[in-house]
Amino acid sequence: MDDVRVRKAGLADAGVVTGLVAALLSELSAGQNDTPRAVMLAVAESLLDAAGESYTVFLAEDAAGRPLGVATLSEGACISALGRFGTIRELYVTPESRSAGVGRVLIRAVLDHGRRHRWSRVEVGAPSAAEWPDSLRFYQREGFTEIGPRLKFRLA
């Protein structure tokens, strides 16, 4: 998509980032996301304010500056990954912008960022393949391979 611009988000973008991530969570939870928007905004502001090399957000916008999508990623490190690697934490493209190459442009920005930072790989936790087969196919088309399920233990 020629008229898509991807840029690194800053603190001033916290509201837009929050809106896109809230839309993602709402879609994934069938509207059952109960995290208050003000709480999400405070977290977004905190992360974007302290963002360094370990947390990065990319915004995709059209030529007029309207948001089309977002990708958030964090840096981790472990021996099995042979050092530093990135994890896509959230990736969302607005419904009207899907199948227009916006997701691909965001993935390219993430991968370029990882290469510049000499990461060994980029990982992503895709939603359930049974419920979201298009998401899994998208990542596979972009060159991602399955490494197994991810689990979580909620501490707070």
N, C-alpha and C. Protein backbone atom coordinates (compact mmCIF):
# COMPACT_ATOMS: atom_id res chain seq x y z
N MET A 1 0.85 -1.18 0.00
CA MET A 1 0.00 0.00 0.00
C MET A 1 0.89 1.23 0.00
N ASP A 2 0.83 1.98 -1.07
CA ASP A 2 1.75 3.10 -1.27
C ASP A 2 1.51 4.28 -0.35
N ASP A 3 0.27 4.50 0.06
CA ASP A 3 -0.03 5.68 0.86
C ASP A 3 0.00 5.41 2.35
N VAL A 4 0.63 4.30 2.77
CA VAL A 4 0.76 3.98 4.19
C VAL A 4 2.14 4.41 4.66
N ARG A 5 2.13 5.13 5.78
CA ARG A 5 3.38 5.57 6.39
C ARG A 5 3.45 4.92 7.76
N VAL A 6 4.60 4.36 8.09
CA VAL A 6 4.80 3.78 9.43
C VAL A 6 5.85 4.62 10.13
N ARG A 7 5.54 4.95 11.36
CA ARG A 7 6.49 5.73 12.16
C ARG A 7 6.49 5.22 13.59
N LYS A 8 7.57 5.52 14.27
CA LYS A 8 7.69 5.17 15.68
C LYS A 8 6.79 6.12 16.47
N ALA A 9 5.96 5.55 17.35
CA ALA A 9 5.06 6.35 18.16
C ALA A 9 5.80 6.94 19.36
N GLY A 10 5.33 8.09 19.80
CA GLY A 10 5.88 8.74 20.99
C GLY A 10 4.79 8.99 22.01
N LEU A 11 5.14 9.66 23.07
CA LEU A 11 4.21 9.93 24.16
C LEU A 11 2.95 10.65 23.68
N ALA A 12 3.09 11.55 22.74
CA ALA A 12 1.93 12.29 22.22
C ALA A 12 0.92 11.39 21.51
N ASP A 13 1.34 10.18 21.15
CA ASP A 13 0.48 9.23 20.45
C ASP A 13 -0.24 8.27 21.39
N ALA A 14 -0.09 8.45 22.69
CA ALA A 14 -0.64 7.48 23.65
C ALA A 14 -2.14 7.25 23.47
N GLY A 15 -2.89 8.30 23.20
CA GLY A 15 -4.33 8.15 23.03
C GLY A 15 -4.69 7.32 21.80
N VAL A 16 -4.01 7.57 20.70
CA VAL A 16 -4.24 6.81 19.47
C VAL A 16 -3.85 5.35 19.67
N VAL A 17 -2.69 5.13 20.26
CA VAL A 17 -2.22 3.76 20.52
C VAL A 17 -3.22 3.03 21.42
N THR A 18 -3.67 3.70 22.47
CA THR A 18 -4.64 3.10 23.38
C THR A 18 -5.92 2.73 22.65
N GLY A 19 -6.40 3.61 21.81
CA GLY A 19 -7.62 3.33 21.05
C GLY A 19 -7.49 2.12 20.16
N LEU A 20 -6.36 1.99 19.49
CA LEU A 20 -6.13 0.85 18.61
C LEU A 20 -5.99 -0.45 19.39
N VAL A 21 -5.26 -0.41 20.49
CA VAL A 21 -5.11 -1.61 21.32
C VAL A 21 -6.44 -2.00 21.96
N ALA A 22 -7.22 -1.01 22.38
CA ALA A 22 -8.55 -1.29 22.94
C ALA A 22 -9.44 -1.95 21.89
N ALA A 23 -9.36 -1.50 20.65
CA ALA A 23 -10.14 -2.11 19.57
C ALA A 23 -9.71 -3.56 19.35
N LEU A 24 -8.40 -3.81 19.41
CA LEU A 24 -7.88 -5.18 19.29
C LEU A 24 -8.45 -6.06 20.40
N LEU A 25 -8.34 -5.59 21.63
CA LEU A 25 -8.82 -6.39 22.76
C LEU A 25 -10.32 -6.62 22.69
N SER A 26 -11.05 -5.62 22.26
CA SER A 26 -12.50 -5.77 22.12
C SER A 26 -12.84 -6.83 21.07
N GLU A 27 -12.11 -6.79 19.97
CA GLU A 27 -12.35 -7.77 18.91
C GLU A 27 -11.99 -9.18 19.36
N LEU A 28 -10.87 -9.31 20.04
CA LEU A 28 -10.44 -10.64 20.50
C LEU A 28 -11.35 -11.22 21.58
N SER A 29 -11.95 -10.33 22.38
CA SER A 29 -12.78 -10.79 23.49
C SER A 29 -14.27 -10.66 23.21
N ALA A 30 -14.64 -10.45 21.95
CA ALA A 30 -16.04 -10.27 21.56
C ALA A 30 -16.71 -9.17 22.40
N GLY A 31 -15.99 -8.09 22.60
CA GLY A 31 -16.55 -6.95 23.32
C GLY A 31 -16.54 -7.08 24.84
N GLN A 32 -15.86 -8.09 25.34
CA GLN A 32 -15.87 -8.34 26.79
C GLN A 32 -14.64 -7.80 27.50
N ASN A 33 -13.83 -6.98 26.86
CA ASN A 33 -12.67 -6.39 27.52
C ASN A 33 -13.16 -5.43 28.60
N ASP A 34 -12.80 -5.70 29.84
CA ASP A 34 -13.30 -4.88 30.94
C ASP A 34 -12.25 -3.95 31.53
N THR A 35 -11.13 -3.81 30.87
CA THR A 35 -10.11 -2.88 31.35
C THR A 35 -10.54 -1.46 31.00
N PRO A 36 -10.69 -0.60 32.00
CA PRO A 36 -11.09 0.79 31.72
C PRO A 36 -10.09 1.49 30.80
N ARG A 37 -10.63 2.27 29.88
CA ARG A 37 -9.78 2.97 28.91
C ARG A 37 -8.79 3.88 29.61
N ALA A 38 -9.18 4.52 30.73
CA ALA A 38 -8.27 5.42 31.45
C ALA A 38 -7.08 4.65 32.00
N VAL A 39 -7.29 3.43 32.43
CA VAL A 39 -6.18 2.59 32.93
C VAL A 39 -5.24 2.25 31.78
N MET A 40 -5.84 1.86 30.65
CA MET A 40 -5.00 1.53 29.48
C MET A 40 -4.21 2.74 29.03
N LEU A 41 -4.83 3.92 29.04
CA LEU A 41 -4.14 5.14 28.63
C LEU A 41 -2.98 5.45 29.56
N ALA A 42 -3.18 5.29 30.86
CA ALA A 42 -2.10 5.54 31.82
C ALA A 42 -0.92 4.58 31.58
N VAL A 43 -1.22 3.34 31.29
CA VAL A 43 -0.16 2.37 30.99
C VAL A 43 0.55 2.75 29.70
N ALA A 44 -0.22 3.10 28.66
CA ALA A 44 0.38 3.50 27.39
C ALA A 44 1.30 4.71 27.58
N GLU A 45 0.83 5.69 28.34
CA GLU A 45 1.66 6.88 28.59
C GLU A 45 2.94 6.52 29.31
N SER A 46 2.83 5.65 30.29
CA SER A 46 4.01 5.24 31.05
C SER A 46 5.02 4.51 30.16
N LEU A 47 4.52 3.58 29.36
CA LEU A 47 5.42 2.82 28.49
C LEU A 47 6.04 3.69 27.40
N LEU A 48 5.24 4.55 26.81
CA LEU A 48 5.77 5.40 25.75
C LEU A 48 6.72 6.47 26.30
N ASP A 49 6.47 6.92 27.52
CA ASP A 49 7.33 7.92 28.13
C ASP A 49 8.70 7.32 28.47
N ALA A 50 8.70 6.07 28.88
CA ALA A 50 9.94 5.40 29.28
C ALA A 50 10.53 4.57 28.15
N ALA A 51 9.89 4.61 26.98
CA ALA A 51 10.32 3.76 25.88
C ALA A 51 11.77 4.03 25.53
N GLY A 52 12.50 2.98 25.45
CA GLY A 52 13.89 3.03 25.02
C GLY A 52 14.05 1.94 23.98
N GLU A 53 15.07 1.17 24.14
CA GLU A 53 15.30 0.08 23.21
C GLU A 53 14.45 -1.14 23.53
N SER A 54 13.93 -1.23 24.75
CA SER A 54 13.24 -2.45 25.15
C SER A 54 11.74 -2.44 24.82
N TYR A 55 11.14 -1.29 24.51
CA TYR A 55 9.73 -1.23 24.16
C TYR A 55 9.56 -0.22 23.04
N THR A 56 8.90 -0.65 21.97
CA THR A 56 8.75 0.20 20.79
C THR A 56 7.33 0.04 20.25
N VAL A 57 6.78 1.13 19.77
CA VAL A 57 5.46 1.11 19.15
C VAL A 57 5.56 1.74 17.77
N PHE A 58 5.00 1.05 16.78
CA PHE A 58 4.92 1.60 15.43
C PHE A 58 3.47 1.87 15.08
N LEU A 59 3.20 3.02 14.50
CA LEU A 59 1.88 3.39 14.02
C LEU A 59 1.89 3.42 12.50
N ALA A 60 0.86 2.84 11.90
CA ALA A 60 0.66 2.94 10.46
C ALA A 60 -0.42 3.99 10.25
N GLU A 61 -0.17 4.91 9.32
CA GLU A 61 -1.10 6.00 9.05
C GLU A 61 -1.27 6.15 7.54
N ASP A 62 -2.41 6.73 7.16
CA ASP A 62 -2.60 7.04 5.75
C ASP A 62 -1.94 8.39 5.45
N ALA A 63 -2.07 8.85 4.21
CA ALA A 63 -1.40 10.09 3.80
C ALA A 63 -1.90 11.29 4.59
N ALA A 64 -3.11 11.22 5.13
CA ALA A 64 -3.67 12.34 5.91
C ALA A 64 -3.34 12.22 7.39
N GLY A 65 -2.60 11.19 7.78
CA GLY A 65 -2.23 11.02 9.18
C GLY A 65 -3.24 10.25 10.01
N ARG A 66 -4.27 9.67 9.37
CA ARG A 66 -5.26 8.87 10.10
C ARG A 66 -4.67 7.51 10.45
N PRO A 67 -4.88 7.03 11.68
CA PRO A 67 -4.31 5.75 12.09
C PRO A 67 -4.98 4.57 11.38
N LEU A 68 -4.14 3.67 10.89
CA LEU A 68 -4.61 2.46 10.21
C LEU A 68 -4.28 1.21 10.99
N GLY A 69 -3.25 1.28 11.85
CA GLY A 69 -2.85 0.10 12.60
C GLY A 69 -1.72 0.42 13.55
N VAL A 70 -1.42 -0.57 14.39
CA VAL A 70 -0.39 -0.42 15.41
C VAL A 70 0.33 -1.74 15.61
N ALA A 71 1.59 -1.65 15.94
CA ALA A 71 2.38 -2.82 16.36
C ALA A 71 3.19 -2.41 17.57
N THR A 72 3.06 -3.17 18.66
CA THR A 72 3.88 -2.91 19.84
C THR A 72 4.83 -4.09 20.00
N LEU A 73 6.04 -3.81 20.40
CA LEU A 73 6.99 -4.89 20.56
C LEU A 73 7.93 -4.61 21.72
N SER A 74 8.42 -5.69 22.28
CA SER A 74 9.36 -5.58 23.38
C SER A 74 10.56 -6.45 23.10
N GLU A 75 11.66 -6.07 23.73
CA GLU A 75 12.89 -6.83 23.59
C GLU A 75 13.07 -7.75 24.78
N GLY A 76 13.51 -8.94 24.51
CA GLY A 76 13.84 -9.90 25.56
C GLY A 76 15.19 -10.51 25.24
N ALA A 77 15.63 -11.36 26.12
CA ALA A 77 16.91 -12.04 25.89
C ALA A 77 16.87 -13.40 26.57
N CYS A 78 17.46 -14.37 25.94
CA CYS A 78 17.62 -15.69 26.56
C CYS A 78 18.70 -16.46 25.80
N ILE A 79 19.21 -17.45 26.46
CA ILE A 79 20.28 -18.26 25.88
C ILE A 79 19.76 -19.02 24.67
N SER A 80 18.56 -19.62 24.77
CA SER A 80 18.07 -20.43 23.66
C SER A 80 17.84 -19.61 22.39
N ALA A 81 17.60 -18.32 22.53
CA ALA A 81 17.45 -17.45 21.36
C ALA A 81 18.80 -16.87 20.94
N LEU A 82 19.85 -17.26 21.62
CA LEU A 82 21.21 -16.79 21.36
C LEU A 82 21.35 -15.28 21.54
N GLY A 83 20.68 -14.79 22.56
CA GLY A 83 20.82 -13.37 22.89
C GLY A 83 19.51 -12.64 22.83
N ARG A 84 19.55 -11.42 22.31
CA ARG A 84 18.38 -10.55 22.29
C ARG A 84 17.43 -10.92 21.14
N PHE A 85 16.12 -10.77 21.41
CA PHE A 85 15.11 -11.02 20.39
C PHE A 85 13.92 -10.12 20.67
N GLY A 86 13.03 -10.02 19.71
CA GLY A 86 11.86 -9.18 19.88
C GLY A 86 10.59 -10.01 19.92
N THR A 87 9.60 -9.46 20.60
CA THR A 87 8.28 -10.09 20.65
C THR A 87 7.23 -9.05 20.29
N ILE A 88 6.44 -9.36 19.27
CA ILE A 88 5.30 -8.50 18.94
C ILE A 88 4.26 -8.76 20.02
N ARG A 89 3.90 -7.72 20.75
CA ARG A 89 2.93 -7.85 21.84
C ARG A 89 1.51 -7.60 21.37
N GLU A 90 1.34 -6.62 20.50
CA GLU A 90 0.03 -6.32 19.93
C GLU A 90 0.24 -5.92 18.48
N LEU A 91 -0.60 -6.43 17.62
CA LEU A 91 -0.61 -6.02 16.22
C LEU A 91 -2.08 -5.90 15.83
N TYR A 92 -2.47 -4.72 15.37
CA TYR A 92 -3.86 -4.49 15.02
C TYR A 92 -3.93 -3.59 13.80
N VAL A 93 -4.81 -3.97 12.88
CA VAL A 93 -5.10 -3.17 11.71
C VAL A 93 -6.61 -2.92 11.72
N THR A 94 -7.01 -1.68 11.51
CA THR A 94 -8.43 -1.36 11.51
C THR A 94 -9.15 -2.21 10.46
N PRO A 95 -10.39 -2.62 10.76
CA PRO A 95 -11.11 -3.50 9.84
C PRO A 95 -11.17 -2.99 8.40
N GLU A 96 -11.37 -1.69 8.21
CA GLU A 96 -11.47 -1.14 6.86
C GLU A 96 -10.13 -1.12 6.12
N SER A 97 -9.03 -1.33 6.83
CA SER A 97 -7.70 -1.30 6.22
C SER A 97 -7.10 -2.69 6.02
N ARG A 98 -7.83 -3.71 6.43
CA ARG A 98 -7.32 -5.07 6.29
C ARG A 98 -7.30 -5.49 4.82
N SER A 99 -6.41 -6.37 4.50
CA SER A 99 -6.22 -6.86 3.13
C SER A 99 -5.75 -5.76 2.20
N ALA A 100 -5.20 -4.70 2.75
CA ALA A 100 -4.67 -3.60 1.94
C ALA A 100 -3.16 -3.45 2.11
N GLY A 101 -2.53 -4.41 2.80
CA GLY A 101 -1.09 -4.37 2.97
C GLY A 101 -0.60 -3.65 4.20
N VAL A 102 -1.51 -3.16 5.05
CA VAL A 102 -1.09 -2.41 6.24
C VAL A 102 -0.36 -3.32 7.22
N GLY A 103 -0.88 -4.51 7.45
CA GLY A 103 -0.23 -5.46 8.34
C GLY A 103 1.18 -5.79 7.87
N ARG A 104 1.32 -5.99 6.58
CA ARG A 104 2.63 -6.31 6.00
C ARG A 104 3.61 -5.17 6.22
N VAL A 105 3.15 -3.93 6.05
CA VAL A 105 4.01 -2.76 6.25
C VAL A 105 4.45 -2.68 7.73
N LEU A 106 3.52 -2.95 8.64
CA LEU A 106 3.87 -2.95 10.06
C LEU A 106 4.88 -4.05 10.38
N ILE A 107 4.67 -5.25 9.84
CA ILE A 107 5.61 -6.36 10.08
C ILE A 107 6.98 -6.00 9.54
N ARG A 108 7.05 -5.39 8.38
CA ARG A 108 8.35 -5.00 7.80
C ARG A 108 9.05 -4.00 8.72
N ALA A 109 8.31 -3.05 9.28
CA ALA A 109 8.91 -2.08 10.21
C ALA A 109 9.47 -2.79 11.44
N VAL A 110 8.72 -3.76 11.96
CA VAL A 110 9.17 -4.53 13.12
C VAL A 110 10.43 -5.31 12.78
N LEU A 111 10.44 -6.00 11.65
CA LEU A 111 11.60 -6.81 11.27
C LEU A 111 12.82 -5.94 10.99
N ASP A 112 12.62 -4.80 10.35
CA ASP A 112 13.74 -3.87 10.12
C ASP A 112 14.30 -3.37 11.45
N HIS A 113 13.43 -3.06 12.39
CA HIS A 113 13.86 -2.63 13.72
C HIS A 113 14.69 -3.73 14.38
N GLY A 114 14.22 -4.95 14.29
CA GLY A 114 14.95 -6.07 14.86
C GLY A 114 16.32 -6.27 14.23
N ARG A 115 16.39 -6.13 12.93
CA ARG A 115 17.69 -6.26 12.25
C ARG A 115 18.65 -5.16 12.69
N ARG A 116 18.14 -3.92 12.79
CA ARG A 116 19.00 -2.81 13.23
C ARG A 116 19.54 -3.04 14.64
N HIS A 117 18.74 -3.72 15.49
CA HIS A 117 19.15 -3.98 16.86
C HIS A 117 19.80 -5.35 17.05
N ARG A 118 20.08 -5.99 15.93
CA ARG A 118 20.79 -7.28 15.91
C ARG A 118 20.09 -8.36 16.73
N TRP A 119 18.75 -8.37 16.65
CA TRP A 119 17.99 -9.43 17.31
C TRP A 119 18.18 -10.72 16.55
N SER A 120 18.13 -11.83 17.25
CA SER A 120 18.25 -13.12 16.59
C SER A 120 16.94 -13.55 15.92
N ARG A 121 15.81 -13.03 16.43
CA ARG A 121 14.51 -13.39 15.86
C ARG A 121 13.44 -12.46 16.41
N VAL A 122 12.25 -12.57 15.81
CA VAL A 122 11.06 -11.88 16.30
C VAL A 122 9.99 -12.95 16.49
N GLU A 123 9.33 -12.92 17.64
CA GLU A 123 8.27 -13.87 17.95
C GLU A 123 6.94 -13.12 18.05
N VAL A 124 5.86 -13.87 17.93
CA VAL A 124 4.52 -13.30 18.11
C VAL A 124 3.62 -14.40 18.66
N GLY A 125 2.77 -14.02 19.58
CA GLY A 125 1.76 -14.94 20.08
C GLY A 125 0.47 -14.69 19.32
N ALA A 126 0.15 -15.58 18.40
CA ALA A 126 -1.06 -15.42 17.60
C ALA A 126 -2.27 -15.92 18.38
N PRO A 127 -3.44 -15.35 18.09
CA PRO A 127 -4.63 -15.86 18.77
C PRO A 127 -4.95 -17.28 18.30
N SER A 128 -5.90 -17.91 18.95
CA SER A 128 -6.30 -19.28 18.65
C SER A 128 -6.52 -19.49 17.16
N ALA A 129 -5.82 -20.49 16.61
CA ALA A 129 -5.95 -20.78 15.18
C ALA A 129 -7.37 -21.21 14.83
N ALA A 130 -8.05 -21.88 15.77
CA ALA A 130 -9.41 -22.32 15.51
C ALA A 130 -10.36 -21.13 15.39
N GLU A 131 -10.15 -20.11 16.23
CA GLU A 131 -11.03 -18.94 16.22
C GLU A 131 -10.58 -17.86 15.25
N TRP A 132 -9.28 -17.77 15.01
CA TRP A 132 -8.72 -16.71 14.18
C TRP A 132 -7.78 -17.27 13.11
N PRO A 133 -8.28 -18.13 12.22
CA PRO A 133 -7.40 -18.76 11.22
C PRO A 133 -6.73 -17.74 10.29
N ASP A 134 -7.41 -16.63 10.00
CA ASP A 134 -6.81 -15.62 9.12
C ASP A 134 -5.57 -15.00 9.74
N SER A 135 -5.58 -14.82 11.08
CA SER A 135 -4.40 -14.26 11.75
C SER A 135 -3.21 -15.20 11.62
N LEU A 136 -3.43 -16.48 11.86
CA LEU A 136 -2.35 -17.45 11.74
C LEU A 136 -1.82 -17.49 10.30
N ARG A 137 -2.71 -17.51 9.32
CA ARG A 137 -2.28 -17.52 7.91
C ARG A 137 -1.49 -16.26 7.57
N PHE A 138 -1.91 -15.11 8.10
CA PHE A 138 -1.19 -13.86 7.85
C PHE A 138 0.26 -13.99 8.31
N TYR A 139 0.46 -14.41 9.56
CA TYR A 139 1.82 -14.52 10.08
C TYR A 139 2.63 -15.54 9.30
N GLN A 140 2.02 -16.63 8.93
CA GLN A 140 2.75 -17.64 8.15
C GLN A 140 3.13 -17.09 6.78
N ARG A 141 2.24 -16.34 6.14
CA ARG A 141 2.57 -15.71 4.85
C ARG A 141 3.74 -14.75 4.99
N GLU A 142 3.86 -14.13 6.17
CA GLU A 142 4.94 -13.19 6.40
C GLU A 142 6.24 -13.88 6.82
N GLY A 143 6.24 -15.20 6.88
CA GLY A 143 7.46 -15.96 7.15
C GLY A 143 7.62 -16.48 8.57
N PHE A 144 6.62 -16.27 9.43
CA PHE A 144 6.69 -16.78 10.79
C PHE A 144 6.37 -18.28 10.79
N THR A 145 7.01 -19.01 11.68
CA THR A 145 6.75 -20.44 11.84
C THR A 145 6.29 -20.70 13.26
N GLU A 146 5.49 -21.74 13.43
CA GLU A 146 4.95 -22.05 14.75
C GLU A 146 6.05 -22.63 15.64
N ILE A 147 6.05 -22.19 16.91
CA ILE A 147 7.01 -22.72 17.88
C ILE A 147 6.30 -23.31 19.09
N GLY A 148 4.98 -23.29 19.07
CA GLY A 148 4.22 -23.87 20.18
C GLY A 148 3.35 -22.85 20.86
N PRO A 149 2.46 -23.32 21.72
CA PRO A 149 1.53 -22.41 22.39
C PRO A 149 2.24 -21.57 23.45
N ARG A 150 1.63 -20.44 23.73
CA ARG A 150 2.12 -19.57 24.82
C ARG A 150 1.13 -19.69 25.96
N LEU A 151 1.61 -19.62 27.16
CA LEU A 151 0.77 -19.69 28.34
C LEU A 151 1.03 -18.45 29.19
N LYS A 152 0.09 -18.13 30.09
CA LYS A 152 0.32 -16.99 30.98
C LYS A 152 -0.15 -17.35 32.37
N PHE A 153 0.45 -16.69 33.34
CA PHE A 153 0.05 -16.78 34.73
C PHE A 153 -0.13 -15.35 35.20
N ARG A 154 -1.34 -14.98 35.53
CA ARG A 154 -1.64 -13.60 35.89
C ARG A 154 -1.18 -13.32 37.33
N LEU A 155 -0.29 -12.33 37.48
CA LEU A 155 0.22 -11.94 38.80
C LEU A 155 -0.56 -10.78 39.40
N ALA A 156 -1.19 -10.00 38.59
CA ALA A 156 -1.95 -8.85 39.10
C ALA A 156 -3.28 -8.74 38.40
